[in-house]
């Protein structure tokens, strides 16, 4: 096969639709629930009241796997738990490094507001 034939052959491969080998065509893919579970929303709201200067949100890491992202500590994701609590994350909120980050951010915000 010469180079022109190889390019034409490759283009034919690209234009074909990909094989449907995950689900038969008569079945739909299972739905992925992207809504934050109520218990995480409730516990997040409770912590937000208690730590009202801190910035954090629940994030979907992969389908069905939730983490808590701390905006004051970049690059950090925390597991909820144990059970249906955020006690593991609350330990982080009390951590001196986190408190320093929050206080630094608040100082910068006060300085830029002047």
PDB file of N, CA and C in Angstrom:
ATOM      1  N   UNK A   1       0.858  -1.175   0.000  1.00  0.00           N
ATOM      2  CA  UNK A   1       0.000   0.000   0.000  1.00  0.00           C
ATOM      3  C   UNK A   1       0.898   1.229   0.000  1.00  0.00           C
ATOM      4  N   UNK A   2       0.669   2.147  -0.973  1.00  0.00           N
ATOM      5  CA  UNK A   2       1.488   3.357  -1.025  1.00  0.00           C
ATOM      6  C   UNK A   2       0.949   4.403  -0.045  1.00  0.00           C
ATOM      7  N   UNK A   3       1.655   5.528   0.086  1.00  0.00           N
ATOM      8  CA  UNK A   3       1.287   6.535   1.082  1.00  0.00           C
ATOM      9  C   UNK A   3      -0.100   7.109   0.823  1.00  0.00           C
ATOM     10  N   UNK A   4      -0.472   7.361  -0.417  1.00  0.00           N
ATOM     11  CA  UNK A   4      -1.797   7.893  -0.745  1.00  0.00           C
ATOM     12  C   UNK A   4      -2.894   6.914  -0.350  1.00  0.00           C
ATOM     13  N   UNK A   5      -2.669   5.630  -0.589  1.00  0.00           N
ATOM     14  CA  UNK A   5      -3.647   4.618  -0.204  1.00  0.00           C
ATOM     15  C   UNK A   5      -3.756   4.521   1.310  1.00  0.00           C
ATOM     16  N   UNK A   6      -2.621   4.667   2.028  1.00  0.00           N
ATOM     17  CA  UNK A   6      -2.645   4.610   3.486  1.00  0.00           C
ATOM     18  C   UNK A   6      -3.458   5.770   4.050  1.00  0.00           C
ATOM     19  N   UNK A   7      -3.268   6.969   3.499  1.00  0.00           N
ATOM     20  CA  UNK A   7      -4.029   8.136   3.968  1.00  0.00           C
ATOM     21  C   UNK A   7      -5.506   7.936   3.698  1.00  0.00           C
ATOM     22  N   UNK A   8      -5.874   7.481   2.509  1.00  0.00           N
ATOM     23  CA  UNK A   8      -7.279   7.235   2.178  1.00  0.00           C
ATOM     24  C   UNK A   8      -7.854   6.170   3.101  1.00  0.00           C
ATOM     25  N   UNK A   9      -7.083   5.105   3.350  1.00  0.00           N
ATOM     26  CA  UNK A   9      -7.544   4.030   4.236  1.00  0.00           C
ATOM     27  C   UNK A   9      -7.763   4.577   5.645  1.00  0.00           C
ATOM     28  N   UNK A  10      -6.825   5.416   6.134  1.00  0.00           N
ATOM     29  CA  UNK A  10      -6.944   6.013   7.467  1.00  0.00           C
ATOM     30  C   UNK A  10      -8.173   6.916   7.547  1.00  0.00           C
ATOM     31  N   UNK A  11      -8.432   7.702   6.511  1.00  0.00           N
ATOM     32  CA  UNK A  11      -9.590   8.594   6.519  1.00  0.00           C
ATOM     33  C   UNK A  11     -10.875   7.785   6.569  1.00  0.00           C
ATOM     34  N   UNK A  12     -10.933   6.656   5.873  1.00  0.00           N
ATOM     35  CA  UNK A  12     -12.123   5.810   5.948  1.00  0.00           C
ATOM     36  C   UNK A  12     -12.348   5.323   7.366  1.00  0.00           C
ATOM     37  N   UNK A  13     -11.270   4.956   8.059  1.00  0.00           N
ATOM     38  CA  UNK A  13     -11.391   4.488   9.440  1.00  0.00           C
ATOM     39  C   UNK A  13     -11.925   5.587  10.348  1.00  0.00           C
ATOM     40  N   UNK A  14     -11.493   6.818  10.131  1.00  0.00           N
ATOM     41  CA  UNK A  14     -11.899   7.942  10.972  1.00  0.00           C
ATOM     42  C   UNK A  14     -13.376   8.266  10.791  1.00  0.00           C
ATOM     43  N   UNK A  15     -13.886   8.130   9.582  1.00  0.00           N
ATOM     44  CA  UNK A  15     -15.268   8.521   9.326  1.00  0.00           C
ATOM     45  C   UNK A  15     -16.270   7.473   9.789  1.00  0.00           C
ATOM     46  N   UNK A  16     -15.828   6.271  10.051  1.00  0.00           N
ATOM     47  CA  UNK A  16     -16.751   5.259  10.536  1.00  0.00           C
ATOM     48  C   UNK A  16     -17.120   5.555  11.980  1.00  0.00           C
ATOM     49  N   UNK A  17     -18.361   5.247  12.345  1.00  0.00           N
ATOM     50  CA  UNK A  17     -18.771   5.483  13.725  1.00  0.00           C
ATOM     51  C   UNK A  17     -18.102   4.458  14.627  1.00  0.00           C
ATOM     52  N   UNK A  18     -17.810   4.841  15.878  1.00  0.00           N
ATOM     53  CA  UNK A  18     -17.141   3.923  16.791  1.00  0.00           C
ATOM     54  C   UNK A  18     -18.056   2.758  17.136  1.00  0.00           C
ATOM     55  N   UNK A  19     -17.483   1.618  17.430  1.00  0.00           N
ATOM     56  CA  UNK A  19     -18.314   0.472  17.778  1.00  0.00           C
ATOM     57  C   UNK A  19     -19.065   0.716  19.072  1.00  0.00           C
ATOM     58  N   UNK A  20     -20.255   0.208  19.123  1.00  0.00           N
ATOM     59  CA  UNK A  20     -21.080   0.358  20.328  1.00  0.00           C
ATOM     60  C   UNK A  20     -20.975  -0.943  21.107  1.00  0.00           C
ATOM     61  N   UNK A  21     -19.896  -1.091  21.862  1.00  0.00           N
ATOM     62  CA  UNK A  21     -19.696  -2.343  22.566  1.00  0.00           C
ATOM     63  C   UNK A  21     -19.970  -2.245  24.065  1.00  0.00           C
ATOM     64  N   UNK A  22     -20.347  -1.063  24.546  1.00  0.00           N
ATOM     65  CA  UNK A  22     -20.627  -0.919  25.970  1.00  0.00           C
ATOM     66  C   UNK A  22     -22.061  -1.315  26.294  1.00  0.00           C
ATOM     67  N   UNK A  23     -23.002  -0.810  25.531  1.00  0.00           N
ATOM     68  CA  UNK A  23     -24.411  -1.098  25.760  1.00  0.00           C
ATOM     69  C   UNK A  23     -25.053  -1.487  24.440  1.00  0.00           C
ATOM     70  N   UNK A  24     -25.920  -2.494  24.448  1.00  0.00           N
ATOM     71  CA  UNK A  24     -26.659  -2.801  23.229  1.00  0.00           C
ATOM     72  C   UNK A  24     -27.461  -1.578  22.799  1.00  0.00           C
ATOM     73  N   UNK A  25     -27.699  -1.435  21.494  1.00  0.00           N
ATOM     74  CA  UNK A  25     -28.362  -0.242  20.978  1.00  0.00           C
ATOM     75  C   UNK A  25     -29.777  -0.067  21.512  1.00  0.00           C
ATOM     76  N   UNK A  26     -30.400  -1.133  21.995  1.00  0.00           N
ATOM     77  CA  UNK A  26     -31.773  -1.013  22.500  1.00  0.00           C
ATOM     78  C   UNK A  26     -31.816  -0.660  23.987  1.00  0.00           C
ATOM     79  N   UNK A  27     -30.671  -0.457  24.625  1.00  0.00           N
ATOM     80  CA  UNK A  27     -30.632  -0.091  26.038  1.00  0.00           C
ATOM     81  C   UNK A  27     -29.987   1.275  26.200  1.00  0.00           C
ATOM     82  N   UNK A  28     -30.477   2.030  27.180  1.00  0.00           N
ATOM     83  CA  UNK A  28     -29.889   3.330  27.475  1.00  0.00           C
ATOM     84  C   UNK A  28     -28.782   3.152  28.501  1.00  0.00           C
ATOM     85  N   UNK A  29     -27.824   4.073  28.490  1.00  0.00           N
ATOM     86  CA  UNK A  29     -26.799   4.047  29.513  1.00  0.00           C
ATOM     87  C   UNK A  29     -27.444   4.395  30.845  1.00  0.00           C
ATOM     88  N   UNK A  30     -26.957   3.806  31.946  1.00  0.00           N
ATOM     89  CA  UNK A  30     -27.544   4.126  33.244  1.00  0.00           C
ATOM     90  C   UNK A  30     -27.316   5.598  33.571  1.00  0.00           C
ATOM     91  N   UNK A  31     -28.307   6.248  34.178  1.00  0.00           N
ATOM     92  CA  UNK A  31     -28.149   7.675  34.508  1.00  0.00           C
ATOM     93  C   UNK A  31     -27.117   7.855  35.616  1.00  0.00           C
ATOM     94  N   UNK A  32     -26.400   8.961  35.557  1.00  0.00           N
ATOM     95  CA  UNK A  32     -25.453   9.317  36.599  1.00  0.00           C
ATOM     96  C   UNK A  32     -26.078  10.449  37.386  1.00  0.00           C
ATOM     97  N   UNK A  33     -26.219  10.263  38.695  1.00  0.00           N
ATOM     98  CA  UNK A  33     -26.812  11.287  39.541  1.00  0.00           C
ATOM     99  C   UNK A  33     -25.728  12.289  39.917  1.00  0.00           C
ATOM    100  N   UNK A  34     -25.863  13.513  39.405  1.00  0.00           N
ATOM    101  CA  UNK A  34     -24.873  14.551  39.665  1.00  0.00           C
ATOM    102  C   UNK A  34     -25.274  15.460  40.823  1.00  0.00           C
ATOM    103  N   UNK A  35     -26.427  15.207  41.413  1.00  0.00           N
ATOM    104  CA  UNK A  35     -26.879  16.043  42.520  1.00  0.00           C
ATOM    105  C   UNK A  35     -26.086  15.695  43.783  1.00  0.00           C
ATOM    106  N   UNK A  36     -25.749  16.722  44.532  1.00  0.00           N
ATOM    107  CA  UNK A  36     -25.050  16.512  45.802  1.00  0.00           C
ATOM    108  C   UNK A  36     -26.010  15.796  46.753  1.00  0.00           C
ATOM    109  N   UNK A  37     -25.564  14.714  47.385  1.00  0.00           N
ATOM    110  CA  UNK A  37     -26.448  14.033  48.341  1.00  0.00           C
ATOM    111  C   UNK A  37     -26.917  14.993  49.432  1.00  0.00           C
ATOM    112  N   UNK A  38     -28.158  14.825  49.850  1.00  0.00           N
ATOM    113  CA  UNK A  38     -28.744  15.745  50.841  1.00  0.00           C
ATOM    114  C   UNK A  38     -27.931  15.811  52.119  1.00  0.00           C
ATOM    115  N   UNK A  39     -27.403  14.688  52.571  1.00  0.00           N
ATOM    116  CA  UNK A  39     -26.655  14.707  53.831  1.00  0.00           C
ATOM    117  C   UNK A  39     -25.385  15.544  53.694  1.00  0.00           C
ATOM    118  N   UNK A  40     -24.737  15.523  52.520  1.00  0.00           N
ATOM    119  CA  UNK A  40     -23.537  16.355  52.324  1.00  0.00           C
ATOM    120  C   UNK A  40     -23.933  17.830  52.287  1.00  0.00           C
ATOM    121  N   UNK A  41     -25.018  18.143  51.595  1.00  0.00           N
ATOM    122  CA  UNK A  41     -25.494  19.529  51.553  1.00  0.00           C
ATOM    123  C   UNK A  41     -25.817  20.025  52.958  1.00  0.00           C
ATOM    124  N   UNK A  42     -26.518  19.217  53.732  1.00  0.00           N
ATOM    125  CA  UNK A  42     -26.888  19.596  55.098  1.00  0.00           C
ATOM    126  C   UNK A  42     -25.681  19.820  55.983  1.00  0.00           C
ATOM    127  N   UNK A  43     -24.734  18.886  55.956  1.00  0.00           N
ATOM    128  CA  UNK A  43     -23.534  19.014  56.798  1.00  0.00           C
ATOM    129  C   UNK A  43     -22.647  20.176  56.331  1.00  0.00           C
ATOM    130  N   UNK A  44     -22.579  20.390  55.020  1.00  0.00           N
ATOM    131  CA  UNK A  44     -21.803  21.523  54.497  1.00  0.00           C
ATOM    132  C   UNK A  44     -22.404  22.833  54.978  1.00  0.00           C
ATOM    133  N   UNK A  45     -23.722  22.939  54.915  1.00  0.00           N
ATOM    134  CA  UNK A  45     -24.397  24.159  55.389  1.00  0.00           C
ATOM    135  C   UNK A  45     -24.152  24.381  56.878  1.00  0.00           C
ATOM    136  N   UNK A  46     -24.196  23.306  57.668  1.00  0.00           N
ATOM    137  CA  UNK A  46     -23.944  23.422  59.108  1.00  0.00           C
ATOM    138  C   UNK A  46     -22.526  23.932  59.375  1.00  0.00           C
ATOM    139  N   UNK A  47     -21.565  23.366  58.658  1.00  0.00           N
ATOM    140  CA  UNK A  47     -20.183  23.818  58.841  1.00  0.00           C
ATOM    141  C   UNK A  47     -19.985  25.247  58.359  1.00  0.00           C
ATOM    142  N   UNK A  48     -20.697  25.628  57.301  1.00  0.00           N
ATOM    143  CA  UNK A  48     -20.564  26.989  56.779  1.00  0.00           C
ATOM    144  C   UNK A  48     -21.067  28.010  57.793  1.00  0.00           C
ATOM    145  N   UNK A  49     -22.085  27.647  58.556  1.00  0.00           N
ATOM    146  CA  UNK A  49     -22.570  28.545  59.617  1.00  0.00           C
ATOM    147  C   UNK A  49     -21.516  28.666  60.711  1.00  0.00           C
ATOM    148  N   UNK A  50     -20.941  27.531  61.084  1.00  0.00           N
ATOM    149  CA  UNK A  50     -19.949  27.502  62.168  1.00  0.00           C
ATOM    150  C   UNK A  50     -18.634  28.159  61.750  1.00  0.00           C
ATOM    151  N   UNK A  51     -18.214  27.962  60.513  1.00  0.00           N
ATOM    152  CA  UNK A  51     -16.960  28.507  59.980  1.00  0.00           C
ATOM    153  C   UNK A  51     -17.307  29.455  58.828  1.00  0.00           C
ATOM    154  N   UNK A  52     -17.958  30.558  59.168  1.00  0.00           N
ATOM    155  CA  UNK A  52     -18.543  31.423  58.139  1.00  0.00           C
ATOM    156  C   UNK A  52     -17.526  32.222  57.327  1.00  0.00           C
ATOM    157  N   UNK A  53     -16.274  32.241  57.719  1.00  0.00           N
ATOM    158  CA  UNK A  53     -15.238  32.935  56.940  1.00  0.00           C
ATOM    159  C   UNK A  53     -14.516  31.988  55.984  1.00  0.00           C
ATOM    160  N   UNK A  54     -14.751  30.693  56.118  1.00  0.00           N
ATOM    161  CA  UNK A  54     -14.048  29.680  55.332  1.00  0.00           C
ATOM    162  C   UNK A  54     -14.793  29.421  54.028  1.00  0.00           C
ATOM    163  N   UNK A  55     -14.040  29.023  53.016  1.00  0.00           N
ATOM    164  CA  UNK A  55     -14.635  28.759  51.703  1.00  0.00           C
ATOM    165  C   UNK A  55     -14.394  27.307  51.318  1.00  0.00           C
ATOM    166  N   UNK A  56     -15.475  26.564  51.153  1.00  0.00           N
ATOM    167  CA  UNK A  56     -15.378  25.163  50.755  1.00  0.00           C
ATOM    168  C   UNK A  56     -16.671  24.734  50.091  1.00  0.00           C
ATOM    169  N   UNK A  57     -16.567  23.726  49.238  1.00  0.00           N
ATOM    170  CA  UNK A  57     -17.721  23.219  48.495  1.00  0.00           C
ATOM    171  C   UNK A  57     -17.570  21.718  48.272  1.00  0.00           C
ATOM    172  N   UNK A  58     -18.694  21.013  48.170  1.00  0.00           N
ATOM    173  CA  UNK A  58     -18.611  19.613  47.747  1.00  0.00           C
ATOM    174  C   UNK A  58     -18.362  19.552  46.244  1.00  0.00           C
ATOM    175  N   UNK A  59     -17.540  18.601  45.809  1.00  0.00           N
ATOM    176  CA  UNK A  59     -17.259  18.408  44.389  1.00  0.00           C
ATOM    177  C   UNK A  59     -17.387  16.926  44.052  1.00  0.00           C
ATOM    178  N   UNK A  60     -17.861  16.678  42.851  1.00  0.00           N
ATOM    179  CA  UNK A  60     -17.986  15.311  42.359  1.00  0.00           C
ATOM    180  C   UNK A  60     -16.654  14.920  41.739  1.00  0.00           C
ATOM    181  N   UNK A  61     -15.951  14.008  42.366  1.00  0.00           N
ATOM    182  CA  UNK A  61     -14.628  13.600  41.891  1.00  0.00           C
ATOM    183  C   UNK A  61     -14.756  12.633  40.717  1.00  0.00           C
ATOM    184  N   UNK A  62     -15.668  11.703  40.816  1.00  0.00           N
ATOM    185  CA  UNK A  62     -16.022  10.752  39.764  1.00  0.00           C
ATOM    186  C   UNK A  62     -17.435  10.314  40.084  1.00  0.00           C
ATOM    187  N   UNK A  63     -18.122   9.659  39.181  1.00  0.00           N
ATOM    188  CA  UNK A  63     -19.531   9.329  39.453  1.00  0.00           C
ATOM    189  C   UNK A  63     -19.723   8.654  40.811  1.00  0.00           C
ATOM    190  N   UNK A  64     -20.516   9.309  41.651  1.00  0.00           N
ATOM    191  CA  UNK A  64     -20.846   8.769  42.959  1.00  0.00           C
ATOM    192  C   UNK A  64     -19.787   8.966  44.026  1.00  0.00           C
ATOM    193  N   UNK A  65     -18.684   9.638  43.716  1.00  0.00           N
ATOM    194  CA  UNK A  65     -17.597   9.834  44.684  1.00  0.00           C
ATOM    195  C   UNK A  65     -17.449  11.329  44.959  1.00  0.00           C
ATOM    196  N   UNK A  66     -17.861  11.724  46.141  1.00  0.00           N
ATOM    197  CA  UNK A  66     -17.842  13.136  46.519  1.00  0.00           C
ATOM    198  C   UNK A  66     -16.665  13.441  47.412  1.00  0.00           C
ATOM    199  N   UNK A  67     -16.126  14.643  47.259  1.00  0.00           N
ATOM    200  CA  UNK A  67     -15.056  15.163  48.102  1.00  0.00           C
ATOM    201  C   UNK A  67     -15.447  16.591  48.500  1.00  0.00           C
ATOM    202  N   UNK A  68     -14.740  17.119  49.485  1.00  0.00           N
ATOM    203  CA  UNK A  68     -14.933  18.506  49.885  1.00  0.00           C
ATOM    204  C   UNK A  68     -13.685  19.263  49.462  1.00  0.00           C
ATOM    205  N   UNK A  69     -13.883  20.328  48.696  1.00  0.00           N
ATOM    206  CA  UNK A  69     -12.766  21.149  48.220  1.00  0.00           C
ATOM    207  C   UNK A  69     -12.657  22.380  49.097  1.00  0.00           C
ATOM    208  N   UNK A  70     -11.457  22.614  49.582  1.00  0.00           N
ATOM    209  CA  UNK A  70     -11.184  23.792  50.390  1.00  0.00           C
ATOM    210  C   UNK A  70     -10.554  24.841  49.488  1.00  0.00           C
ATOM    211  N   UNK A  71     -11.225  25.972  49.314  1.00  0.00           N
ATOM    212  CA  UNK A  71     -10.708  27.041  48.457  1.00  0.00           C
ATOM    213  C   UNK A  71      -9.554  27.785  49.108  1.00  0.00           C
ATOM    214  N   UNK A  72      -9.438  27.681  50.420  1.00  0.00           N
ATOM    215  CA  UNK A  72      -8.346  28.364  51.117  1.00  0.00           C
ATOM    216  C   UNK A  72      -7.055  27.553  51.094  1.00  0.00           C
ATOM    217  N   UNK A  73      -7.137  26.291  50.785  1.00  0.00           N
ATOM    218  CA  UNK A  73      -5.968  25.408  50.729  1.00  0.00           C
ATOM    219  C   UNK A  73      -5.940  24.754  49.349  1.00  0.00           C
ATOM    220  N   UNK A  74      -5.409  25.444  48.338  1.00  0.00           N
ATOM    221  CA  UNK A  74      -5.448  24.970  46.957  1.00  0.00           C
ATOM    222  C   UNK A  74      -4.876  23.558  46.797  1.00  0.00           C
ATOM    223  N   UNK A  75      -5.530  22.816  45.924  1.00  0.00           N
ATOM    224  CA  UNK A  75      -5.061  21.478  45.603  1.00  0.00           C
ATOM    225  C   UNK A  75      -5.472  20.410  46.591  1.00  0.00           C
ATOM    226  N   UNK A  76      -6.294  20.766  47.561  1.00  0.00           N
ATOM    227  CA  UNK A  76      -6.674  19.802  48.586  1.00  0.00           C
ATOM    228  C   UNK A  76      -8.131  19.401  48.408  1.00  0.00           C
ATOM    229  N   UNK A  77      -8.366  18.086  48.406  1.00  0.00           N
ATOM    230  CA  UNK A  77      -9.711  17.527  48.410  1.00  0.00           C
ATOM    231  C   UNK A  77      -9.809  16.588  49.600  1.00  0.00           C
ATOM    232  N   UNK A  78     -10.928  16.632  50.289  1.00  0.00           N
ATOM    233  CA  UNK A  78     -11.081  15.866  51.517  1.00  0.00           C
ATOM    234  C   UNK A  78     -12.264  14.905  51.413  1.00  0.00           C
ATOM    235  N   UNK A  79     -12.070  13.721  51.963  1.00  0.00           N
ATOM    236  CA  UNK A  79     -13.143  12.735  52.008  1.00  0.00           C
ATOM    237  C   UNK A  79     -14.170  13.144  53.053  1.00  0.00           C
ATOM    238  N   UNK A  80     -15.443  13.009  52.732  1.00  0.00           N
ATOM    239  CA  UNK A  80     -16.442  13.173  53.785  1.00  0.00           C
ATOM    240  C   UNK A  80     -16.377  11.968  54.716  1.00  0.00           C
ATOM    241  N   UNK A  81     -16.967  12.099  55.877  1.00  0.00           N
ATOM    242  CA  UNK A  81     -17.034  10.960  56.783  1.00  0.00           C
ATOM    243  C   UNK A  81     -16.495  11.328  58.148  1.00  0.00           C
ATOM    244  N   UNK A  82     -16.501  10.384  59.041  1.00  0.00           N
ATOM    245  CA  UNK A  82     -16.988   9.014  58.860  1.00  0.00           C
ATOM    246  C   UNK A  82     -18.510   8.975  58.758  1.00  0.00           C
ATOM    247  N   UNK A  83     -18.974   7.909  58.177  1.00  0.00           N
ATOM    248  CA  UNK A  83     -20.406   7.732  57.925  1.00  0.00           C
ATOM    249  C   UNK A  83     -20.925   8.957  57.172  1.00  0.00           C
ATOM    250  N   UNK A  84     -22.105   9.438  57.539  1.00  0.00           N
ATOM    251  CA  UNK A  84     -22.696  10.608  56.871  1.00  0.00           C
ATOM    252  C   UNK A  84     -22.419  11.870  57.678  1.00  0.00           C
ATOM    253  N   UNK A  85     -21.139  12.122  57.911  1.00  0.00           N
ATOM    254  CA  UNK A  85     -20.708  13.334  58.617  1.00  0.00           C
ATOM    255  C   UNK A  85     -19.582  13.982  57.809  1.00  0.00           C
ATOM    256  N   UNK A  86     -19.194  15.147  58.232  1.00  0.00           N
ATOM    257  CA  UNK A  86     -18.020  15.810  57.662  1.00  0.00           C
ATOM    258  C   UNK A  86     -16.982  16.037  58.751  1.00  0.00           C
ATOM    259  N   UNK A  87     -16.945  15.127  59.724  1.00  0.00           N
ATOM    260  CA  UNK A  87     -16.010  15.269  60.838  1.00  0.00           C
ATOM    261  C   UNK A  87     -14.558  15.281  60.356  1.00  0.00           C
ATOM    262  N   UNK A  88     -14.239  14.463  59.355  1.00  0.00           N
ATOM    263  CA  UNK A  88     -12.875  14.462  58.815  1.00  0.00           C
ATOM    264  C   UNK A  88     -12.516  15.839  58.273  1.00  0.00           C
ATOM    265  N   UNK A  89     -13.450  16.463  57.588  1.00  0.00           N
ATOM    266  CA  UNK A  89     -13.177  17.779  57.017  1.00  0.00           C
ATOM    267  C   UNK A  89     -13.123  18.845  58.112  1.00  0.00           C
ATOM    268  N   UNK A  90     -13.934  18.707  59.141  1.00  0.00           N
ATOM    269  CA  UNK A  90     -13.902  19.693  60.220  1.00  0.00           C
ATOM    270  C   UNK A  90     -12.536  19.709  60.904  1.00  0.00           C
ATOM    271  N   UNK A  91     -11.870  18.563  60.979  1.00  0.00           N
ATOM    272  CA  UNK A  91     -10.509  18.524  61.518  1.00  0.00           C
ATOM    273  C   UNK A  91      -9.619  19.454  60.686  1.00  0.00           C
ATOM    274  N   UNK A  92      -9.784  19.413  59.368  1.00  0.00           N
ATOM    275  CA  UNK A  92      -9.015  20.299  58.497  1.00  0.00           C
ATOM    276  C   UNK A  92      -9.338  21.759  58.799  1.00  0.00           C
ATOM    277  N   UNK A  93     -10.619  22.079  58.991  1.00  0.00           N
ATOM    278  CA  UNK A  93     -11.015  23.467  59.241  1.00  0.00           C
ATOM    279  C   UNK A  93     -10.387  24.020  60.515  1.00  0.00           C
ATOM    280  N   UNK A  94     -10.094  23.148  61.463  1.00  0.00           N
ATOM    281  CA  UNK A  94      -9.480  23.568  62.723  1.00  0.00           C
ATOM    282  C   UNK A  94      -7.956  23.610  62.642  1.00  0.00           C
ATOM    283  N   UNK A  95      -7.389  23.055  61.614  1.00  0.00           N
ATOM    284  CA  UNK A  95      -5.946  22.947  61.450  1.00  0.00           C
ATOM    285  C   UNK A  95      -5.300  24.328  61.371  1.00  0.00           C
ATOM    286  N   UNK A  96      -4.149  24.483  62.009  1.00  0.00           N
ATOM    287  CA  UNK A  96      -3.468  25.776  62.056  1.00  0.00           C
ATOM    288  C   UNK A  96      -3.090  26.283  60.662  1.00  0.00           C
ATOM    289  N   UNK A  97      -2.615  25.394  59.800  1.00  0.00           N
ATOM    290  CA  UNK A  97      -2.259  25.791  58.432  1.00  0.00           C
ATOM    291  C   UNK A  97      -3.476  26.364  57.702  1.00  0.00           C
ATOM    292  N   UNK A  98      -4.614  25.709  57.844  1.00  0.00           N
ATOM    293  CA  UNK A  98      -5.844  26.202  57.212  1.00  0.00           C
ATOM    294  C   UNK A  98      -6.245  27.542  57.816  1.00  0.00           C
ATOM    295  N   UNK A  99      -6.210  27.636  59.133  1.00  0.00           N
ATOM    296  CA  UNK A  99      -6.598  28.896  59.790  1.00  0.00           C
ATOM    297  C   UNK A  99      -5.696  30.035  59.316  1.00  0.00           C
ATOM    298  N   UNK A 100      -4.403  29.763  59.165  1.00  0.00           N
ATOM    299  CA  UNK A 100      -3.477  30.791  58.663  1.00  0.00           C
ATOM    300  C   UNK A 100      -3.860  31.211  57.246  1.00  0.00           C
ATOM    301  N   UNK A 101      -4.221  30.251  56.407  1.00  0.00           N
ATOM    302  CA  UNK A 101      -4.630  30.577  55.031  1.00  0.00           C
ATOM    303  C   UNK A 101      -5.886  31.444  55.024  1.00  0.00           C
ATOM    304  N   UNK A 102      -6.854  31.113  55.861  1.00  0.00           N
ATOM    305  CA  UNK A 102      -8.090  31.900  55.936  1.00  0.00           C
ATOM    306  C   UNK A 102      -7.770  33.319  56.410  1.00  0.00           C
ATOM    307  N   UNK A 103      -6.973  33.423  57.463  1.00  0.00           N
ATOM    308  CA  UNK A 103      -6.631  34.747  57.997  1.00  0.00           C
ATOM    309  C   UNK A 103      -5.851  35.576  56.983  1.00  0.00           C
ATOM    310  N   UNK A 104      -4.966  34.959  56.227  1.00  0.00           N
ATOM    311  CA  UNK A 104      -4.224  35.673  55.187  1.00  0.00           C
ATOM    312  C   UNK A 104      -5.162  36.174  54.089  1.00  0.00           C
ATOM    313  N   UNK A 105      -6.086  35.321  53.674  1.00  0.00           N
ATOM    314  CA  UNK A 105      -7.042  35.738  52.639  1.00  0.00           C
ATOM    315  C   UNK A 105      -7.889  36.902  53.140  1.00  0.00           C
ATOM    316  N   UNK A 106      -8.373  36.816  54.381  1.00  0.00           N
ATOM    317  CA  UNK A 106      -9.203  37.880  54.923  1.00  0.00           C
ATOM    318  C   UNK A 106      -8.424  39.193  55.010  1.00  0.00           C
ATOM    319  N   UNK A 107      -7.145  39.111  55.379  1.00  0.00           N
ATOM    320  CA  UNK A 107      -6.314  40.318  55.446  1.00  0.00           C
ATOM    321  C   UNK A 107      -6.141  40.930  54.061  1.00  0.00           C
ATOM    322  N   UNK A 108      -5.922  40.062  53.046  1.00  0.00           N
ATOM    323  CA  UNK A 108      -5.791  40.584  51.674  1.00  0.00           C
ATOM    324  C   UNK A 108      -7.091  41.240  51.231  1.00  0.00           C
ATOM    325  N   UNK A 109      -8.229  40.610  51.554  1.00  0.00           N
ATOM    326  CA  UNK A 109      -9.533  41.180  51.159  1.00  0.00           C
ATOM    327  C   UNK A 109      -9.774  42.514  51.847  1.00  0.00           C
ATOM    328  N   UNK A 110      -9.400  42.620  53.118  1.00  0.00           N
ATOM    329  CA  UNK A 110      -9.569  43.893  53.822  1.00  0.00           C
ATOM    330  C   UNK A 110      -8.661  44.961  53.219  1.00  0.00           C
ATOM    331  N   UNK A 111      -7.467  44.569  52.832  1.00  0.00           N
ATOM    332  CA  UNK A 111      -6.524  45.513  52.223  1.00  0.00           C
ATOM    333  C   UNK A 111      -6.981  46.010  50.864  1.00  0.00           C
ATOM    334  N   UNK A 112      -7.596  45.145  50.084  1.00  0.00           N
ATOM    335  CA  UNK A 112      -8.056  45.549  48.736  1.00  0.00           C
ATOM    336  C   UNK A 112      -9.367  46.325  48.820  1.00  0.00           C
ATOM    337  N   UNK A 113     -10.092  46.203  49.914  1.00  0.00           N
ATOM    338  CA  UNK A 113     -11.352  46.926  50.065  1.00  0.00           C
ATOM    339  C   UNK A 113     -11.118  48.372  50.482  1.00  0.00           C
ATOM    340  N   UNK A 114      -9.922  48.677  50.958  1.00  0.00           N
ATOM    341  CA  UNK A 114      -9.621  50.048  51.420  1.00  0.00           C
ATOM    342  C   UNK A 114      -9.433  50.999  50.283  1.00  0.00           C
TER     343      UNK A 114
END
